[in-house]
Amino acid sequence: MKAWNDGNSAVYRQFIELEEKIGYHFHNKELLKRALMHTSFSNEHRMGKLDNNERLEFLGDAVLEVISSDFLYHEYPDYPEGKLTRLRASMVCEPTLALCSREIDLGRYLLLGKGEDATGGRKRDSIVSDAMEAVIGAIYLDGGFSSARKFILRFILNDIENKHLFYDSKTILQEMIQSEHKDQLVYELLKEEGPDHDKQFTTRVTIGNVELGCGRGRTKKASEQEAAYYAILKLKEKK
């Protein structure tokens, strides 16, 4: 592999491109490299056990919890503890972080092993959400708490209402339908594709004979959640 810090290398140019997207330029680009390095890459290149983004993910998860808790505490002064906890969960869960990562196309910049790359690792929620937390950890180490907070506010703690809908979409859709219809919502599995380690499920949600939304995910539950989310958006648009 070419020296990543060679200004002419493709990897280095990708790092600069990602920094422009997120609005943060690393003093120590080794931290950014580590944040983007999946275990499949380090294993394939016979690197050390700690030469991946898992430790940064651990740190970023903790930083994200503190900053999101502080933000929600001050943003919603009338919310009790239980409601704050649920709202925080909706903002920092795997599907939501994966949704946030798509805004900066984070999967494109990951260092993956060839096998993981070939089986769709760049789009896998678990991988990109972990990388998102690793990037937070890297920014925290490189630029401190303030820099990490700016990144989190810009890319994660934004559009809260929409992300809460995404997280709790099945419950919200059920409540919307119950108030206006007697028919029951039905989630129908349309397709199941891919090998066991990389399944993709496609589900639609209907009421009567009318399709309200269709979604995809790594699990049946995730595909149902996405189907419900698109159904909510469709119903809101009609209103």
C-alpha atoms as a PDB file:
ATOM      1  CA  MET A   1       0.000   0.000   0.000  1.00  0.00           C
ATOM      2  CA  LYS A   2       1.276   3.484  -0.864  1.00  0.00           C
ATOM      3  CA  ALA A   3       2.260   5.752   1.969  1.00  0.00           C
ATOM      4  CA  TRP A   4      -1.096   7.255   2.910  1.00  0.00           C
ATOM      5  CA  ASN A   5       0.501  10.615   3.751  1.00  0.00           C
ATOM      6  CA  ASP A   6       2.044  11.018   0.321  1.00  0.00           C
ATOM      7  CA  GLY A   7       0.243  14.058  -1.096  1.00  0.00           C
ATOM      8  CA  ASN A   8      -0.169  12.227  -4.387  1.00  0.00           C
ATOM      9  CA  SER A   9      -1.754   9.083  -2.933  1.00  0.00           C
ATOM     10  CA  ALA A  10      -5.443   8.343  -3.519  1.00  0.00           C
ATOM     11  CA  VAL A  11      -5.952   7.641   0.194  1.00  0.00           C
ATOM     12  CA  TYR A  12      -4.522  11.005   1.222  1.00  0.00           C
ATOM     13  CA  ARG A  13      -6.690  12.826  -1.327  1.00  0.00           C
ATOM     14  CA  GLN A  14      -9.755  11.035   0.021  1.00  0.00           C
ATOM     15  CA  PHE A  15      -8.881  12.129   3.555  1.00  0.00           C
ATOM     16  CA  ILE A  16      -8.675  15.758   2.419  1.00  0.00           C
ATOM     17  CA  GLU A  17     -12.032  15.410   0.662  1.00  0.00           C
ATOM     18  CA  LEU A  18     -13.667  13.994   3.799  1.00  0.00           C
ATOM     19  CA  GLU A  19     -12.177  16.762   5.948  1.00  0.00           C
ATOM     20  CA  GLU A  20     -13.743  19.337   3.611  1.00  0.00           C
ATOM     21  CA  LYS A  21     -17.131  17.639   3.964  1.00  0.00           C
ATOM     22  CA  ILE A  22     -17.112  17.567   7.744  1.00  0.00           C
ATOM     23  CA  GLY A  23     -15.525  20.994   8.155  1.00  0.00           C
ATOM     24  CA  TYR A  24     -12.714  19.740  10.367  1.00  0.00           C
ATOM     25  CA  HIS A  25      -9.046  19.377   9.375  1.00  0.00           C
ATOM     26  CA  PHE A  26      -6.969  16.994  11.460  1.00  0.00           C
ATOM     27  CA  HIS A  27      -3.604  18.042  12.861  1.00  0.00           C
ATOM     28  CA  ASN A  28      -2.778  14.345  13.188  1.00  0.00           C
ATOM     29  CA  LYS A  29      -4.146  12.559  10.145  1.00  0.00           C
ATOM     30  CA  GLU A  30      -3.112   9.213  11.619  1.00  0.00           C
ATOM     31  CA  LEU A  31      -6.146   9.597  13.867  1.00  0.00           C
ATOM     32  CA  LEU A  32      -8.435   9.995  10.878  1.00  0.00           C
ATOM     33  CA  LYS A  33      -6.834   7.012   9.179  1.00  0.00           C
ATOM     34  CA  ARG A  34      -7.361   4.900  12.292  1.00  0.00           C
ATOM     35  CA  ALA A  35     -10.993   6.022  12.582  1.00  0.00           C
ATOM     36  CA  LEU A  36     -11.673   4.788   9.059  1.00  0.00           C
ATOM     37  CA  MET A  37      -9.804   1.480   9.401  1.00  0.00           C
ATOM     38  CA  HIS A  38     -12.096  -1.527   9.784  1.00  0.00           C
ATOM     39  CA  THR A  39     -10.833  -4.766  11.317  1.00  0.00           C
ATOM     40  CA  SER A  40     -11.188  -6.515   7.952  1.00  0.00           C
ATOM     41  CA  PHE A  41      -8.539  -4.175   6.521  1.00  0.00           C
ATOM     42  CA  SER A  42      -6.067  -4.577   9.386  1.00  0.00           C
ATOM     43  CA  ASN A  43      -6.550  -8.356   9.380  1.00  0.00           C
ATOM     44  CA  GLU A  44      -6.034  -8.580   5.632  1.00  0.00           C
ATOM     45  CA  HIS A  45      -2.809  -6.568   5.897  1.00  0.00           C
ATOM     46  CA  ARG A  46      -1.619  -8.566   8.934  1.00  0.00           C
ATOM     47  CA  MET A  47      -1.477  -5.538  11.173  1.00  0.00           C
ATOM     48  CA  GLY A  48      -1.626  -5.519  14.961  1.00  0.00           C
ATOM     49  CA  LYS A  49      -4.780  -6.391  16.913  1.00  0.00           C
ATOM     50  CA  LEU A  50      -5.241  -2.760  17.918  1.00  0.00           C
ATOM     51  CA  ASP A  51      -4.658  -1.360  14.422  1.00  0.00           C
ATOM     52  CA  ASN A  52      -8.323  -0.650  13.685  1.00  0.00           C
ATOM     53  CA  ASN A  53     -11.038   1.804  14.701  1.00  0.00           C
ATOM     54  CA  GLU A  54     -12.551  -0.142  17.621  1.00  0.00           C
ATOM     55  CA  ARG A  55     -10.812   1.793  20.426  1.00  0.00           C
ATOM     56  CA  LEU A  56     -11.758   5.120  18.823  1.00  0.00           C
ATOM     57  CA  GLU A  57     -15.318   3.853  18.473  1.00  0.00           C
ATOM     58  CA  PHE A  58     -15.362   3.108  22.226  1.00  0.00           C
ATOM     59  CA  LEU A  59     -14.191   6.642  22.992  1.00  0.00           C
ATOM     60  CA  GLY A  60     -16.500   8.291  20.465  1.00  0.00           C
ATOM     61  CA  ASP A  61     -19.514   6.470  21.878  1.00  0.00           C
ATOM     62  CA  ALA A  62     -18.812   7.955  25.320  1.00  0.00           C
ATOM     63  CA  VAL A  63     -18.223  11.462  23.941  1.00  0.00           C
ATOM     64  CA  LEU A  64     -21.440  11.243  21.915  1.00  0.00           C
ATOM     65  CA  GLU A  65     -23.450  10.197  24.970  1.00  0.00           C
ATOM     66  CA  VAL A  66     -22.169  13.091  27.084  1.00  0.00           C
ATOM     67  CA  ILE A  67     -22.675  15.740  24.397  1.00  0.00           C
ATOM     68  CA  SER A  68     -26.104  14.484  23.324  1.00  0.00           C
ATOM     69  CA  SER A  69     -27.239  14.248  26.969  1.00  0.00           C
ATOM     70  CA  ASP A  70     -26.080  17.809  27.690  1.00  0.00           C
ATOM     71  CA  PHE A  71     -27.729  19.114  24.511  1.00  0.00           C
ATOM     72  CA  LEU A  72     -31.091  17.439  25.121  1.00  0.00           C
ATOM     73  CA  TYR A  73     -31.095  18.405  28.818  1.00  0.00           C
ATOM     74  CA  HIS A  74     -30.877  22.098  27.904  1.00  0.00           C
ATOM     75  CA  GLU A  75     -32.925  21.927  24.699  1.00  0.00           C
ATOM     76  CA  TYR A  76     -35.935  20.251  26.370  1.00  0.00           C
ATOM     77  CA  PRO A  77     -36.157  21.665  29.928  1.00  0.00           C
ATOM     78  CA  ASP A  78     -39.702  20.314  30.433  1.00  0.00           C
ATOM     79  CA  TYR A  79     -38.940  16.684  29.489  1.00  0.00           C
ATOM     80  CA  PRO A  80     -38.724  14.118  32.331  1.00  0.00           C
ATOM     81  CA  GLU A  81     -35.815  11.680  32.538  1.00  0.00           C
ATOM     82  CA  GLY A  82     -37.620   8.849  30.757  1.00  0.00           C
ATOM     83  CA  LYS A  83     -38.557  10.982  27.758  1.00  0.00           C
ATOM     84  CA  LEU A  84     -35.013  12.384  27.505  1.00  0.00           C
ATOM     85  CA  THR A  85     -33.607   8.856  27.590  1.00  0.00           C
ATOM     86  CA  ARG A  86     -35.875   7.711  24.757  1.00  0.00           C
ATOM     87  CA  LEU A  87     -35.088  10.767  22.684  1.00  0.00           C
ATOM     88  CA  ARG A  88     -31.340  10.287  23.169  1.00  0.00           C
ATOM     89  CA  ALA A  89     -31.678   6.633  22.161  1.00  0.00           C
ATOM     90  CA  SER A  90     -33.407   7.684  18.942  1.00  0.00           C
ATOM     91  CA  MET A  91     -30.505   9.994  18.084  1.00  0.00           C
ATOM     92  CA  VAL A  92     -27.560   7.688  18.811  1.00  0.00           C
ATOM     93  CA  CYS A  93     -28.820   4.218  17.843  1.00  0.00           C
ATOM     94  CA  GLU A  94     -27.173   2.266  15.018  1.00  0.00           C
ATOM     95  CA  PRO A  95     -29.784   2.969  12.288  1.00  0.00           C
ATOM     96  CA  THR A  96     -29.827   6.702  13.029  1.00  0.00           C
ATOM     97  CA  LEU A  97     -26.028   6.998  13.076  1.00  0.00           C
ATOM     98  CA  ALA A  98     -25.943   5.096   9.788  1.00  0.00           C
ATOM     99  CA  LEU A  99     -28.481   7.584   8.433  1.00  0.00           C
ATOM    100  CA  CYS A 100     -26.242  10.460   9.582  1.00  0.00           C
ATOM    101  CA  SER A 101     -23.195   8.867   7.968  1.00  0.00           C
ATOM    102  CA  ARG A 102     -24.899   8.914   4.572  1.00  0.00           C
ATOM    103  CA  GLU A 103     -24.983  12.710   4.671  1.00  0.00           C
ATOM    104  CA  ILE A 104     -21.181  12.715   4.341  1.00  0.00           C
ATOM    105  CA  ASP A 105     -21.025   9.428   2.377  1.00  0.00           C
ATOM    106  CA  LEU A 106     -18.745   8.052   5.089  1.00  0.00           C
ATOM    107  CA  GLY A 107     -18.807   4.509   3.720  1.00  0.00           C
ATOM    108  CA  ARG A 108     -16.936   5.679   0.635  1.00  0.00           C
ATOM    109  CA  TYR A 109     -13.869   6.594   2.706  1.00  0.00           C
ATOM    110  CA  LEU A 110     -13.580   3.472   4.845  1.00  0.00           C
ATOM    111  CA  LEU A 111     -10.513   1.245   4.700  1.00  0.00           C
ATOM    112  CA  LEU A 112     -12.042  -2.210   4.274  1.00  0.00           C
ATOM    113  CA  GLY A 113     -10.677  -5.637   3.462  1.00  0.00           C
ATOM    114  CA  LYS A 114     -11.393  -6.817  -0.075  1.00  0.00           C
ATOM    115  CA  GLY A 115     -13.903  -9.424   1.094  1.00  0.00           C
ATOM    116  CA  GLU A 116     -15.836  -6.981   3.272  1.00  0.00           C
ATOM    117  CA  ASP A 117     -15.826  -4.426   0.488  1.00  0.00           C
ATOM    118  CA  ALA A 118     -17.090  -6.959  -2.067  1.00  0.00           C
ATOM    119  CA  THR A 119     -20.027  -7.988   0.142  1.00  0.00           C
ATOM    120  CA  GLY A 120     -21.361  -4.449   0.641  1.00  0.00           C
ATOM    121  CA  GLY A 121     -19.555  -3.412   3.805  1.00  0.00           C
ATOM    122  CA  ARG A 122     -19.539   0.253   2.822  1.00  0.00           C
ATOM    123  CA  LYS A 123     -23.340   0.328   3.112  1.00  0.00           C
ATOM    124  CA  ARG A 124     -23.702  -1.896   6.182  1.00  0.00           C
ATOM    125  CA  ASP A 125     -25.301   0.001   9.072  1.00  0.00           C
ATOM    126  CA  SER A 126     -23.171  -1.652  11.749  1.00  0.00           C
ATOM    127  CA  ILE A 127     -19.910  -0.720  10.006  1.00  0.00           C
ATOM    128  CA  VAL A 128     -20.709   2.886   9.080  1.00  0.00           C
ATOM    129  CA  SER A 129     -22.329   3.663  12.445  1.00  0.00           C
ATOM    130  CA  ASP A 130     -19.236   2.341  14.259  1.00  0.00           C
ATOM    131  CA  ALA A 131     -17.048   4.433  11.960  1.00  0.00           C
ATOM    132  CA  MET A 132     -19.142   7.513  12.740  1.00  0.00           C
ATOM    133  CA  GLU A 133     -18.431   7.033  16.454  1.00  0.00           C
ATOM    134  CA  ALA A 134     -14.750   6.415  15.683  1.00  0.00           C
ATOM    135  CA  VAL A 135     -14.560   9.710  13.781  1.00  0.00           C
ATOM    136  CA  ILE A 136     -16.065  11.467  16.818  1.00  0.00           C
ATOM    137  CA  GLY A 137     -13.408   9.859  19.009  1.00  0.00           C
ATOM    138  CA  ALA A 138     -10.664  10.922  16.593  1.00  0.00           C
ATOM    139  CA  ILE A 139     -11.895  14.534  16.466  1.00  0.00           C
ATOM    140  CA  TYR A 140     -12.097  14.609  20.261  1.00  0.00           C
ATOM    141  CA  LEU A 141      -8.471  13.469  20.611  1.00  0.00           C
ATOM    142  CA  ASP A 142      -7.237  15.768  17.857  1.00  0.00           C
ATOM    143  CA  GLY A 143      -9.202  18.933  18.566  1.00  0.00           C
ATOM    144  CA  GLY A 144     -10.780  18.543  21.976  1.00  0.00           C
ATOM    145  CA  PHE A 145     -14.309  18.564  23.330  1.00  0.00           C
ATOM    146  CA  SER A 146     -15.401  21.726  21.516  1.00  0.00           C
ATOM    147  CA  SER A 147     -14.475  20.368  18.084  1.00  0.00           C
ATOM    148  CA  ALA A 148     -16.245  17.072  18.772  1.00  0.00           C
ATOM    149  CA  ARG A 149     -19.326  18.968  19.927  1.00  0.00           C
ATOM    150  CA  LYS A 150     -19.456  21.043  16.729  1.00  0.00           C
ATOM    151  CA  PHE A 151     -19.306  17.895  14.615  1.00  0.00           C
ATOM    152  CA  ILE A 152     -22.038  16.163  16.647  1.00  0.00           C
ATOM    153  CA  LEU A 153     -24.339  19.188  16.584  1.00  0.00           C
ATOM    154  CA  ARG A 154     -23.916  19.561  12.835  1.00  0.00           C
ATOM    155  CA  PHE A 155     -24.265  15.953  11.722  1.00  0.00           C
ATOM    156  CA  ILE A 156     -26.116  14.071  14.479  1.00  0.00           C
ATOM    157  CA  LEU A 157     -28.127  16.392  16.722  1.00  0.00           C
ATOM    158  CA  ASN A 158     -29.874  18.026  13.792  1.00  0.00           C
ATOM    159  CA  ASP A 159     -33.321  17.371  12.355  1.00  0.00           C
ATOM    160  CA  ILE A 160     -34.351  15.764  15.650  1.00  0.00           C
ATOM    161  CA  GLU A 161     -38.042  15.397  14.826  1.00  0.00           C
ATOM    162  CA  ASN A 162     -37.318  13.502  11.610  1.00  0.00           C
ATOM    163  CA  LYS A 163     -34.793  11.202  13.284  1.00  0.00           C
ATOM    164  CA  HIS A 164     -37.199  10.447  16.106  1.00  0.00           C
ATOM    165  CA  LEU A 165     -39.777   9.462  13.469  1.00  0.00           C
ATOM    166  CA  PHE A 166     -37.191   7.180  11.876  1.00  0.00           C
ATOM    167  CA  TYR A 167     -36.319   5.524  15.198  1.00  0.00           C
ATOM    168  CA  ASP A 168     -39.872   4.948  16.443  1.00  0.00           C
ATOM    169  CA  SER A 169     -41.620   4.760  13.081  1.00  0.00           C
ATOM    170  CA  LYS A 170     -43.646   1.568  13.627  1.00  0.00           C
ATOM    171  CA  THR A 171     -45.216   2.872  16.836  1.00  0.00           C
ATOM    172  CA  ILE A 172     -45.905   6.313  15.360  1.00  0.00           C
ATOM    173  CA  LEU A 173     -47.453   4.840  12.201  1.00  0.00           C
ATOM    174  CA  GLN A 174     -49.681   2.552  14.280  1.00  0.00           C
ATOM    175  CA  GLU A 175     -50.940   5.535  16.281  1.00  0.00           C
ATOM    176  CA  MET A 176     -51.615   7.527  13.115  1.00  0.00           C
ATOM    177  CA  ILE A 177     -53.558   4.683  11.490  1.00  0.00           C
ATOM    178  CA  GLN A 178     -55.575   3.768  14.592  1.00  0.00           C
ATOM    179  CA  SER A 179     -57.008   7.263  14.778  1.00  0.00           C
ATOM    180  CA  GLU A 180     -58.343   7.161  11.209  1.00  0.00           C
ATOM    181  CA  HIS A 181     -58.787   3.523  10.071  1.00  0.00           C
ATOM    182  CA  LYS A 182     -60.363   0.318  11.318  1.00  0.00           C
ATOM    183  CA  ASP A 183     -58.177  -1.903   9.135  1.00  0.00           C
ATOM    184  CA  GLN A 184     -54.944  -3.342  10.535  1.00  0.00           C
ATOM    185  CA  LEU A 185     -51.468  -2.528   9.282  1.00  0.00           C
ATOM    186  CA  VAL A 186     -49.804  -5.511   7.592  1.00  0.00           C
ATOM    187  CA  TYR A 187     -46.026  -5.859   7.080  1.00  0.00           C
ATOM    188  CA  GLU A 188     -45.278  -8.141   4.147  1.00  0.00           C
ATOM    189  CA  LEU A 189     -41.803  -9.506   3.397  1.00  0.00           C
ATOM    190  CA  LEU A 190     -41.252  -9.104  -0.357  1.00  0.00           C
ATOM    191  CA  LYS A 191     -37.660 -10.232  -0.821  1.00  0.00           C
ATOM    192  CA  GLU A 192     -34.806 -11.842   1.093  1.00  0.00           C
ATOM    193  CA  GLU A 193     -31.472 -11.569  -0.708  1.00  0.00           C
ATOM    194  CA  GLY A 194     -27.788 -12.251  -0.105  1.00  0.00           C
ATOM    195  CA  PRO A 195     -25.684 -14.727   1.890  1.00  0.00           C
ATOM    196  CA  ASP A 196     -26.367 -15.440   5.564  1.00  0.00           C
ATOM    197  CA  HIS A 197     -23.722 -12.958   6.769  1.00  0.00           C
ATOM    198  CA  ASP A 198     -25.068 -10.144   4.593  1.00  0.00           C
ATOM    199  CA  LYS A 199     -28.833 -10.524   4.242  1.00  0.00           C
ATOM    200  CA  GLN A 200     -30.995  -7.783   2.764  1.00  0.00           C
ATOM    201  CA  PHE A 201     -34.726  -7.816   3.446  1.00  0.00           C
ATOM    202  CA  THR A 202     -37.360  -5.829   1.550  1.00  0.00           C
ATOM    203  CA  THR A 203     -40.708  -5.253   3.255  1.00  0.00           C
ATOM    204  CA  ARG A 204     -43.825  -3.273   2.456  1.00  0.00           C
ATOM    205  CA  VAL A 205     -46.497  -2.047   4.819  1.00  0.00           C
ATOM    206  CA  THR A 206     -50.113  -2.012   3.669  1.00  0.00           C
ATOM    207  CA  ILE A 207     -53.557  -1.225   4.964  1.00  0.00           C
ATOM    208  CA  GLY A 208     -56.331  -2.992   3.121  1.00  0.00           C
ATOM    209  CA  ASN A 209     -54.991  -3.325  -0.407  1.00  0.00           C
ATOM    210  CA  VAL A 210     -53.103  -0.036  -0.323  1.00  0.00           C
ATOM    211  CA  GLU A 211     -49.298   0.036  -0.029  1.00  0.00           C
ATOM    212  CA  LEU A 212     -48.189   2.824   2.292  1.00  0.00           C
ATOM    213  CA  GLY A 213     -44.424   2.355   2.185  1.00  0.00           C
ATOM    214  CA  CYS A 214     -41.564   0.042   1.302  1.00  0.00           C
ATOM    215  CA  GLY A 215     -38.214  -0.385   3.067  1.00  0.00           C
ATOM    216  CA  ARG A 216     -34.967  -2.371   3.095  1.00  0.00           C
ATOM    217  CA  GLY A 217     -32.683  -3.482   5.907  1.00  0.00           C
ATOM    218  CA  ARG A 218     -30.240  -6.052   7.242  1.00  0.00           C
ATOM    219  CA  THR A 219     -32.999  -7.568   9.365  1.00  0.00           C
ATOM    220  CA  LYS A 220     -36.754  -7.970   8.931  1.00  0.00           C
ATOM    221  CA  LYS A 221     -37.278  -5.522  11.783  1.00  0.00           C
ATOM    222  CA  ALA A 222     -35.049  -2.900  10.145  1.00  0.00           C
ATOM    223  CA  SER A 223     -36.849  -3.252   6.812  1.00  0.00           C
ATOM    224  CA  GLU A 224     -40.217  -2.899   8.556  1.00  0.00           C
ATOM    225  CA  GLN A 225     -38.984   0.190  10.385  1.00  0.00           C
ATOM    226  CA  GLU A 226     -37.883   1.829   7.135  1.00  0.00           C
ATOM    227  CA  ALA A 227     -41.171   0.892   5.433  1.00  0.00           C
ATOM    228  CA  ALA A 228     -43.091   2.507   8.299  1.00  0.00           C
ATOM    229  CA  TYR A 229     -40.892   5.602   8.109  1.00  0.00           C
ATOM    230  CA  TYR A 230     -41.639   6.128   4.405  1.00  0.00           C
ATOM    231  CA  ALA A 231     -45.322   5.472   5.079  1.00  0.00           C
ATOM    232  CA  ILE A 232     -45.347   8.252   7.691  1.00  0.00           C
ATOM    233  CA  LEU A 233     -43.688  10.680   5.285  1.00  0.00           C
ATOM    234  CA  LYS A 234     -46.268   9.775   2.611  1.00  0.00           C
ATOM    235  CA  LEU A 235     -49.212  10.267   4.981  1.00  0.00           C
ATOM    236  CA  LYS A 236     -47.817  13.592   6.245  1.00  0.00           C
ATOM    237  CA  GLU A 237     -47.362  14.807   2.677  1.00  0.00           C
ATOM    238  CA  LYS A 238     -51.003  14.036   1.885  1.00  0.00           C
ATOM    239  CA  LYS A 239     -52.163  16.010   4.907  1.00  0.00           C
END
